[in-house]
Protein backbone atom coordinates (compact mmCIF):
# COMPACT_ATOMS: atom_id res chain seq x y z
CA UNK A 1 -11.11 18.07 67.38
CA UNK A 2 -11.91 14.98 69.47
CA UNK A 3 -14.17 14.67 72.65
CA UNK A 4 -11.61 15.77 74.96
CA UNK A 5 -10.57 18.70 72.83
CA UNK A 6 -14.28 19.45 73.66
CA UNK A 7 -14.23 18.80 77.46
CA UNK A 8 -10.43 20.50 77.78
CA UNK A 9 -10.54 23.62 75.76
CA UNK A 10 -11.11 26.80 77.22
CA UNK A 11 -14.68 28.12 76.73
CA UNK A 12 -13.60 31.26 75.37
CA UNK A 13 -11.95 29.05 72.71
CA UNK A 14 -14.97 26.69 71.99
CA UNK A 15 -17.02 29.64 71.91
CA UNK A 16 -15.36 31.59 69.21
CA UNK A 17 -15.16 28.64 67.42
CA UNK A 18 -18.20 27.90 67.32
CA UNK A 19 -18.94 31.61 66.04
CA UNK A 20 -16.57 30.99 63.61
CA UNK A 21 -18.21 28.15 62.14
CA UNK A 22 -21.37 30.18 62.34
CA UNK A 23 -20.34 32.78 60.28
CA UNK A 24 -18.81 30.26 57.87
CA UNK A 25 -21.92 28.22 57.40
CA UNK A 26 -23.78 31.73 56.94
CA UNK A 27 -20.96 32.66 53.88
CA UNK A 28 -21.86 29.94 52.32
CA UNK A 29 -25.33 30.49 52.40
CA UNK A 30 -25.00 34.16 51.36
CA UNK A 31 -22.85 33.20 49.01
CA UNK A 32 -24.89 30.15 47.19
CA UNK A 33 -27.93 32.84 47.06
CA UNK A 34 -25.94 34.87 45.37
CA UNK A 35 -25.04 32.65 42.76
CA UNK A 36 -28.32 31.26 42.58
CA UNK A 37 -29.83 34.79 41.42
CA UNK A 38 -27.37 34.10 38.63
CA UNK A 39 -28.45 30.92 37.83
CA UNK A 40 -25.27 28.68 38.71
CA UNK A 41 -27.82 26.00 40.66
CA UNK A 42 -25.37 23.03 40.54
CA UNK A 43 -22.80 25.57 42.20
CA UNK A 44 -25.49 27.20 44.72
CA UNK A 45 -26.32 23.96 45.96
CA UNK A 46 -23.14 22.55 46.33
CA UNK A 47 -22.78 25.75 49.29
CA UNK A 48 -25.83 25.03 50.62
CA UNK A 49 -24.42 21.77 51.78
CA UNK A 50 -21.70 23.36 52.85
CA UNK A 51 -23.26 25.55 55.19
CA UNK A 52 -24.81 22.71 57.01
CA UNK A 53 -21.90 21.61 57.46
CA UNK A 54 -20.20 23.89 59.28
CA UNK A 55 -24.00 24.70 61.20
CA UNK A 56 -23.44 20.88 62.58
CA UNK A 57 -19.88 21.73 63.78
CA UNK A 58 -21.36 24.66 65.41
CA UNK A 59 -24.04 22.86 67.23
CA UNK A 60 -21.38 20.36 68.12
CA UNK A 61 -18.89 23.07 70.05
CA UNK A 62 -21.50 24.96 71.23
CA UNK A 63 -22.52 21.30 73.40
CA UNK A 64 -19.19 21.50 74.66
CA UNK A 65 -19.52 25.32 75.66
CA UNK A 66 -22.65 24.58 78.23
CA UNK A 67 -20.39 20.94 79.51
CA UNK A 68 -22.86 19.13 78.05
CA UNK A 69 -20.50 15.44 77.41
CA UNK A 70 -22.24 14.00 73.83
CA UNK A 71 -21.58 10.17 74.24
CA UNK A 72 -21.01 9.69 70.49
CA UNK A 73 -17.18 10.08 68.84
CA UNK A 74 -17.55 13.51 67.77
CA UNK A 75 -14.05 12.88 65.28
CA UNK A 76 -16.47 11.91 62.58
CA UNK A 77 -18.07 15.46 62.15
CA UNK A 78 -14.80 17.27 62.04
CA UNK A 79 -13.77 15.31 59.08
CA UNK A 80 -16.42 13.26 57.41
CA UNK A 81 -18.77 14.49 55.47
CA UNK A 82 -20.74 11.33 54.95
CA UNK A 83 -21.27 10.99 58.66
CA UNK A 84 -22.18 15.08 58.59
CA UNK A 85 -24.84 14.20 56.39
CA UNK A 86 -26.28 11.18 57.82
CA UNK A 87 -26.39 13.56 61.44
CA UNK A 88 -28.58 16.63 59.53
CA UNK A 89 -30.93 13.90 58.66
CA UNK A 90 -31.63 13.13 62.28
CA UNK A 91 -31.13 16.51 63.64
CA UNK A 92 -33.36 17.73 60.92
CA UNK A 93 -36.84 18.01 62.58
CA UNK A 94 -34.92 18.73 65.89
CA UNK A 95 -33.44 21.71 63.77
CA UNK A 96 -37.34 22.99 62.49
CA UNK A 97 -38.36 22.86 66.23
CA UNK A 98 -35.52 24.94 67.01
CA UNK A 99 -36.11 27.30 64.16
CA UNK A 100 -39.48 27.88 65.35
CA UNK A 101 -38.54 28.77 69.19
CA UNK A 102 -35.39 30.41 68.04
CA UNK A 103 -36.46 34.06 69.70
CA UNK A 104 -37.94 33.12 72.51
CA UNK A 105 -35.09 31.73 73.09
CA UNK A 106 -33.07 34.84 71.90
CA UNK A 107 -35.40 36.92 74.16
CA UNK A 108 -34.03 34.61 77.39
CA UNK A 109 -30.53 35.07 76.80
CA UNK A 110 -30.96 38.48 76.43
CA UNK A 111 -32.56 38.71 79.68
CA UNK A 112 -31.44 36.00 81.50
CA UNK A 113 -34.79 34.57 82.70
CA UNK A 114 -34.95 31.65 84.91
CA UNK A 115 -36.18 29.59 81.60
CA UNK A 116 -32.95 30.14 80.06
CA UNK A 117 -31.29 26.63 81.35
CA UNK A 118 -34.16 25.10 80.07
CA UNK A 119 -34.45 26.37 77.19
CA UNK A 120 -30.19 25.95 76.20
CA UNK A 121 -30.36 22.43 77.92
CA UNK A 122 -33.38 22.05 75.04
CA UNK A 123 -31.31 23.62 72.38
CA UNK A 124 -27.96 22.24 72.69
CA UNK A 125 -28.02 18.89 74.92
CA UNK A 126 -30.48 16.60 75.96
CA UNK A 127 -32.06 16.01 72.35
CA UNK A 128 -29.01 16.35 70.45
CA UNK A 129 -27.37 14.06 72.69
CA UNK A 130 -29.37 11.24 72.00
CA UNK A 131 -30.27 12.07 68.34
CA UNK A 132 -26.45 12.05 67.96
CA UNK A 133 -26.23 9.01 69.45
CA UNK A 134 -28.69 6.66 68.17
CA UNK A 135 -27.37 8.22 64.92
CA UNK A 136 -23.53 6.81 65.99
CA UNK A 137 -24.75 3.50 67.86
CA UNK A 138 -26.79 1.73 64.24
CA UNK A 139 -26.75 2.20 60.88
CA UNK A 140 -29.39 3.81 59.82
CA UNK A 141 -28.04 4.46 56.31
CA UNK A 142 -31.36 2.29 54.87
CA UNK A 143 -34.10 5.18 56.67
CA UNK A 144 -32.16 8.15 55.72
CA UNK A 145 -34.13 9.80 52.67
CA UNK A 146 -32.19 10.58 49.02
CA UNK A 147 -31.28 14.06 50.16
CA UNK A 148 -29.01 13.26 52.87
CA UNK A 149 -27.56 10.08 51.59
CA UNK A 150 -26.77 11.69 48.34
CA UNK A 151 -25.80 15.14 49.92
CA UNK A 152 -21.41 14.29 49.43
CA UNK A 153 -22.49 13.31 46.08
CA UNK A 154 -24.46 16.19 45.30
CA UNK A 155 -21.96 18.45 46.75
CA UNK A 156 -19.66 17.15 44.52
CA UNK A 157 -21.55 17.24 41.53
CA UNK A 158 -22.31 21.07 42.24
CA UNK A 159 -18.95 21.69 42.03
CA UNK A 160 -16.56 19.22 39.33
CA UNK A 161 -17.67 17.89 35.62
CA UNK A 162 -17.69 13.84 35.43
CA UNK A 163 -17.75 11.23 33.70
CA UNK A 164 -20.19 8.18 35.08
CA UNK A 165 -21.82 5.23 32.77
CA UNK A 166 -21.27 6.80 29.74
CA UNK A 167 -22.42 10.18 29.97
CA UNK A 168 -20.85 13.51 31.27
CA UNK A 169 -22.01 14.78 35.00
CA UNK A 170 -21.95 18.88 34.88
CA UNK A 171 -23.18 21.40 37.50
CA UNK A 172 -25.44 23.15 35.16
CA UNK A 173 -28.09 19.89 35.44
CA UNK A 174 -29.29 20.73 38.87
CA UNK A 175 -32.22 22.46 38.14
CA UNK A 176 -33.66 25.66 40.64
CA UNK A 177 -35.96 23.19 41.82
CA UNK A 178 -33.31 21.03 43.36
CA UNK A 179 -31.52 23.85 44.70
CA UNK A 180 -34.16 25.52 46.49
CA UNK A 181 -35.08 22.07 47.95
CA UNK A 182 -31.75 22.30 49.86
CA UNK A 183 -32.74 25.71 50.80
CA UNK A 184 -35.83 24.94 52.38
CA UNK A 185 -33.45 22.07 54.42
CA UNK A 186 -30.56 24.85 54.99
CA UNK A 187 -32.74 27.69 56.36
CA UNK A 188 -33.21 26.41 59.42
CA UNK A 189 -29.69 25.14 60.71
CA UNK A 190 -28.78 28.44 59.54
CA UNK A 191 -31.50 30.39 61.99
CA UNK A 192 -30.55 28.31 64.66
CA UNK A 193 -26.53 29.16 64.74
CA UNK A 194 -27.23 32.64 64.23
CA UNK A 195 -28.60 31.72 68.44
CA UNK A 196 -24.84 31.25 68.94
CA UNK A 197 -23.80 35.39 68.14
CA UNK A 198 -26.28 36.04 71.49
CA UNK A 199 -23.76 34.01 73.48
CA UNK A 200 -21.35 36.00 76.08
CA UNK A 201 -18.08 34.28 77.06
CA UNK A 202 -19.33 33.55 80.85
CA UNK A 203 -23.05 31.96 79.70
CA UNK A 204 -21.36 28.65 79.82
CA UNK A 205 -22.06 28.80 83.94
CA UNK A 206 -25.64 29.48 83.77
CA UNK A 207 -25.37 25.68 82.94
CA UNK A 208 -23.04 24.73 86.30
């Protein structure tokens, strides 16, 4: 998907896509928990990382649904996993905040209160656009934490057996603590995208 696609695609189609991404994110998240229950923490962690990737795509599509023009090139978000991981690091604190106010946002959507516009702009636009623009306009690699910078490699390590530096890298080496760390990071993303299912086809008009 390109910025032009985000701008020109029918709103119903965008909302449908956002809901597909949200559903897929939740499927990966649910699968991760079930896999962890049988002790396969490496594969479970990989699914958590996939859930974050799909959540980020969902958020970007929702921004387009509400006619919020993002100033950065969105193509890496749909093609480059590393870009999504660096972006996720940037918006983690924002997601944590949205997670804490998700119920008021849901209530605003249901009741169509006057504060809906402010809530949705906060949730999908002003902060997100600013953060995404900062991320893609500067090299932030040196500032990212270990989890985010290594997310793509960690995802692969959880799925596949590999050989590096004269030793085998196996999914079984990923511990429950590693999984729980990823679970704490992924949970707010999942809670945030659940809001998407409260949106109706014409809700984008509320920000017109």
